[in-house]
Amino acid sequence: MTDIALSIASMALSGGVLGALLFYRQKQRKERAEATAAEIDNQSSINEEYRKVTEEWKRIAADTRDELGKAIKQLHEVRADCDKILQENVRLRISAETDKVRLCHVRNCSNREPYTGY
């Protein structure tokens, strides 16, 4: 009876050690696969976050470009208005200087242009 118990115990011990040796590589391969899957999940979440951030920055850059384009357009309009005002100012100054030259202090002068009779 002790022989049977001893043979069963030796089979259990040898089977356990043998089983551990046989399945050790498979267990390591499974653990590596799980670690790789976790790394891939982590990297994909990082990539997704990066994609979201870059899309947000692209949207902000596009909005800024649009606002800058509008501001430049307004600046050109203001500059065009200033140019018109400056041209009108120069025209009026020239007209005023011309009127000063034409000014006649003699009453009822026939050389006055246009003749007013004054």
C-alpha atoms as a PDB file:
ATOM      1  CA  MET A   1       0.000   0.000   0.000  1.00  0.00           C
ATOM      2  CA  THR A   2       2.829   2.362   0.719  1.00  0.00           C
ATOM      3  CA  ASP A   3       4.225   1.457  -2.632  1.00  0.00           C
ATOM      4  CA  ILE A   4       1.026   2.586  -4.292  1.00  0.00           C
ATOM      5  CA  ALA A   5       0.914   5.814  -2.278  1.00  0.00           C
ATOM      6  CA  LEU A   6       4.591   6.387  -2.984  1.00  0.00           C
ATOM      7  CA  SER A   7       4.126   5.778  -6.722  1.00  0.00           C
ATOM      8  CA  ILE A   8       1.095   8.111  -6.824  1.00  0.00           C
ATOM      9  CA  ALA A   9       3.022  10.814  -4.966  1.00  0.00           C
ATOM     10  CA  SER A  10       6.020  10.445  -7.258  1.00  0.00           C
ATOM     11  CA  MET A  11       3.780  10.627 -10.336  1.00  0.00           C
ATOM     12  CA  ALA A  12       2.077  13.724  -8.986  1.00  0.00           C
ATOM     13  CA  LEU A  13       5.409  15.360  -8.202  1.00  0.00           C
ATOM     14  CA  SER A  14       7.023  14.397 -11.474  1.00  0.00           C
ATOM     15  CA  GLY A  15       3.890  15.318 -13.427  1.00  0.00           C
ATOM     16  CA  GLY A  16       3.702  18.711 -11.725  1.00  0.00           C
ATOM     17  CA  VAL A  17       7.346  19.511 -12.400  1.00  0.00           C
ATOM     18  CA  LEU A  18       7.133  18.063 -15.860  1.00  0.00           C
ATOM     19  CA  GLY A  19       3.891  19.961 -16.521  1.00  0.00           C
ATOM     20  CA  ALA A  20       5.457  23.168 -15.256  1.00  0.00           C
ATOM     21  CA  LEU A  21       8.449  22.664 -17.547  1.00  0.00           C
ATOM     22  CA  LEU A  22       6.268  21.824 -20.535  1.00  0.00           C
ATOM     23  CA  PHE A  23       3.886  24.748 -20.148  1.00  0.00           C
ATOM     24  CA  TYR A  24       6.425  27.364 -18.945  1.00  0.00           C
ATOM     25  CA  ARG A  25       7.149  28.682 -22.451  1.00  0.00           C
ATOM     26  CA  GLN A  26       3.477  28.787 -23.323  1.00  0.00           C
ATOM     27  CA  LYS A  27       2.765  30.762 -20.143  1.00  0.00           C
ATOM     28  CA  GLN A  28       5.592  33.212 -20.938  1.00  0.00           C
ATOM     29  CA  ARG A  29       4.308  33.611 -24.504  1.00  0.00           C
ATOM     30  CA  LYS A  30       0.810  34.329 -23.192  1.00  0.00           C
ATOM     31  CA  GLU A  31       2.136  36.928 -20.711  1.00  0.00           C
ATOM     32  CA  ARG A  32       4.186  38.611 -23.469  1.00  0.00           C
ATOM     33  CA  ALA A  33       1.140  38.673 -25.725  1.00  0.00           C
ATOM     34  CA  GLU A  34      -0.950  40.259 -22.976  1.00  0.00           C
ATOM     35  CA  ALA A  35       1.784  42.850 -22.299  1.00  0.00           C
ATOM     36  CA  THR A  36       2.046  43.614 -26.025  1.00  0.00           C
ATOM     37  CA  ALA A  37      -1.732  43.994 -26.280  1.00  0.00           C
ATOM     38  CA  ALA A  38      -1.692  46.375 -23.325  1.00  0.00           C
ATOM     39  CA  GLU A  39       1.110  48.413 -24.942  1.00  0.00           C
ATOM     40  CA  ILE A  40      -0.808  48.533 -28.234  1.00  0.00           C
ATOM     41  CA  ASP A  41      -3.944  49.723 -26.417  1.00  0.00           C
ATOM     42  CA  ASN A  42      -1.908  52.355 -24.597  1.00  0.00           C
ATOM     43  CA  GLN A  43      -0.245  53.523 -27.823  1.00  0.00           C
ATOM     44  CA  SER A  44      -3.577  53.651 -29.656  1.00  0.00           C
ATOM     45  CA  SER A  45      -5.082  55.791 -26.883  1.00  0.00           C
ATOM     46  CA  ILE A  46      -2.042  58.088 -27.071  1.00  0.00           C
ATOM     47  CA  ASN A  47      -2.438  58.284 -30.860  1.00  0.00           C
ATOM     48  CA  GLU A  48      -6.135  59.081 -30.509  1.00  0.00           C
ATOM     49  CA  GLU A  49      -5.384  61.875 -28.030  1.00  0.00           C
ATOM     50  CA  TYR A  50      -2.685  63.230 -30.345  1.00  0.00           C
ATOM     51  CA  ARG A  51      -5.132  63.163 -33.268  1.00  0.00           C
ATOM     52  CA  LYS A  52      -7.714  65.083 -31.241  1.00  0.00           C
ATOM     53  CA  VAL A  53      -5.154  67.678 -30.176  1.00  0.00           C
ATOM     54  CA  THR A  54      -3.835  68.162 -33.705  1.00  0.00           C
ATOM     55  CA  GLU A  55      -7.369  68.529 -35.080  1.00  0.00           C
ATOM     56  CA  GLU A  56      -8.094  71.160 -32.433  1.00  0.00           C
ATOM     57  CA  TRP A  57      -4.879  73.040 -33.282  1.00  0.00           C
ATOM     58  CA  LYS A  58      -5.700  72.855 -36.990  1.00  0.00           C
ATOM     59  CA  ARG A  59      -9.157  74.282 -36.290  1.00  0.00           C
ATOM     60  CA  ILE A  60      -7.665  77.063 -34.158  1.00  0.00           C
ATOM     61  CA  ALA A  61      -5.083  77.827 -36.863  1.00  0.00           C
ATOM     62  CA  ALA A  62      -7.797  77.959 -39.543  1.00  0.00           C
ATOM     63  CA  ASP A  63      -9.927  80.280 -37.396  1.00  0.00           C
ATOM     64  CA  THR A  64      -6.915  82.497 -36.765  1.00  0.00           C
ATOM     65  CA  ARG A  65      -6.116  82.601 -40.484  1.00  0.00           C
ATOM     66  CA  ASP A  66      -9.718  83.580 -41.251  1.00  0.00           C
ATOM     67  CA  GLU A  67      -9.670  86.322 -38.628  1.00  0.00           C
ATOM     68  CA  LEU A  68      -6.297  87.534 -39.887  1.00  0.00           C
ATOM     69  CA  GLY A  69      -7.622  87.610 -43.448  1.00  0.00           C
ATOM     70  CA  LYS A  70     -10.615  89.667 -42.326  1.00  0.00           C
ATOM     71  CA  ALA A  71      -8.353  92.049 -40.401  1.00  0.00           C
ATOM     72  CA  ILE A  72      -6.068  92.480 -43.417  1.00  0.00           C
ATOM     73  CA  LYS A  73      -9.078  93.160 -45.630  1.00  0.00           C
ATOM     74  CA  GLN A  74     -10.337  95.796 -43.173  1.00  0.00           C
ATOM     75  CA  LEU A  75      -6.836  97.298 -43.040  1.00  0.00           C
ATOM     76  CA  HIS A  76      -6.759  97.604 -46.830  1.00  0.00           C
ATOM     77  CA  GLU A  77     -10.186  99.234 -46.789  1.00  0.00           C
ATOM     78  CA  VAL A  78      -9.088 101.718 -44.111  1.00  0.00           C
ATOM     79  CA  ARG A  79      -5.900 102.472 -46.040  1.00  0.00           C
ATOM     80  CA  ALA A  80      -7.923 103.050 -49.219  1.00  0.00           C
ATOM     81  CA  ASP A  81     -10.230 105.424 -47.305  1.00  0.00           C
ATOM     82  CA  CYS A  82      -7.198 107.240 -45.876  1.00  0.00           C
ATOM     83  CA  ASP A  83      -5.724 107.563 -49.368  1.00  0.00           C
ATOM     84  CA  LYS A  84      -8.988 109.054 -50.643  1.00  0.00           C
ATOM     85  CA  ILE A  85      -9.116 111.475 -47.721  1.00  0.00           C
ATOM     86  CA  LEU A  86      -5.472 112.478 -48.233  1.00  0.00           C
ATOM     87  CA  GLN A  87      -6.077 113.025 -51.957  1.00  0.00           C
ATOM     88  CA  GLU A  88      -9.108 115.160 -51.169  1.00  0.00           C
ATOM     89  CA  ASN A  89      -7.065 117.086 -48.608  1.00  0.00           C
ATOM     90  CA  VAL A  90      -4.315 117.744 -51.147  1.00  0.00           C
ATOM     91  CA  ARG A  91      -6.883 118.798 -53.732  1.00  0.00           C
ATOM     92  CA  LEU A  92      -8.481 121.209 -51.253  1.00  0.00           C
ATOM     93  CA  ARG A  93      -5.084 122.640 -50.242  1.00  0.00           C
ATOM     94  CA  ILE A  94      -4.198 123.230 -53.863  1.00  0.00           C
ATOM     95  CA  SER A  95      -7.586 124.820 -54.439  1.00  0.00           C
ATOM     96  CA  ALA A  96      -7.100 127.063 -51.390  1.00  0.00           C
ATOM     97  CA  GLU A  97      -3.652 128.133 -52.572  1.00  0.00           C
ATOM     98  CA  THR A  98      -5.036 128.799 -56.044  1.00  0.00           C
ATOM     99  CA  ASP A  99      -7.827 130.894 -54.551  1.00  0.00           C
ATOM    100  CA  LYS A 100      -5.282 132.888 -52.547  1.00  0.00           C
ATOM    101  CA  VAL A 101      -3.400 133.677 -55.743  1.00  0.00           C
ATOM    102  CA  ARG A 102      -6.607 134.663 -57.530  1.00  0.00           C
ATOM    103  CA  LEU A 103      -7.804 136.791 -54.648  1.00  0.00           C
ATOM    104  CA  CYS A 104      -8.339 140.299 -55.838  1.00  0.00           C
ATOM    105  CA  HIS A 105      -8.674 143.080 -53.301  1.00  0.00           C
ATOM    106  CA  VAL A 106      -9.970 145.593 -55.803  1.00  0.00           C
ATOM    107  CA  ARG A 107     -13.726 146.166 -55.771  1.00  0.00           C
ATOM    108  CA  ASN A 108     -15.601 145.344 -58.929  1.00  0.00           C
ATOM    109  CA  CYS A 109     -12.484 143.904 -60.569  1.00  0.00           C
ATOM    110  CA  SER A 110     -13.068 142.674 -64.105  1.00  0.00           C
ATOM    111  CA  ASN A 111     -10.124 140.241 -63.895  1.00  0.00           C
ATOM    112  CA  ARG A 112     -11.754 138.218 -61.144  1.00  0.00           C
ATOM    113  CA  GLU A 113     -12.526 134.607 -62.115  1.00  0.00           C
ATOM    114  CA  PRO A 114     -15.346 133.921 -62.073  1.00  0.00           C
ATOM    115  CA  TYR A 115     -16.547 137.452 -62.353  1.00  0.00           C
ATOM    116  CA  THR A 116     -18.904 138.175 -59.468  1.00  0.00           C
ATOM    117  CA  GLY A 117     -19.477 141.889 -59.827  1.00  0.00           C
ATOM    118  CA  TYR A 118     -18.252 142.544 -56.309  1.00  0.00           C
END
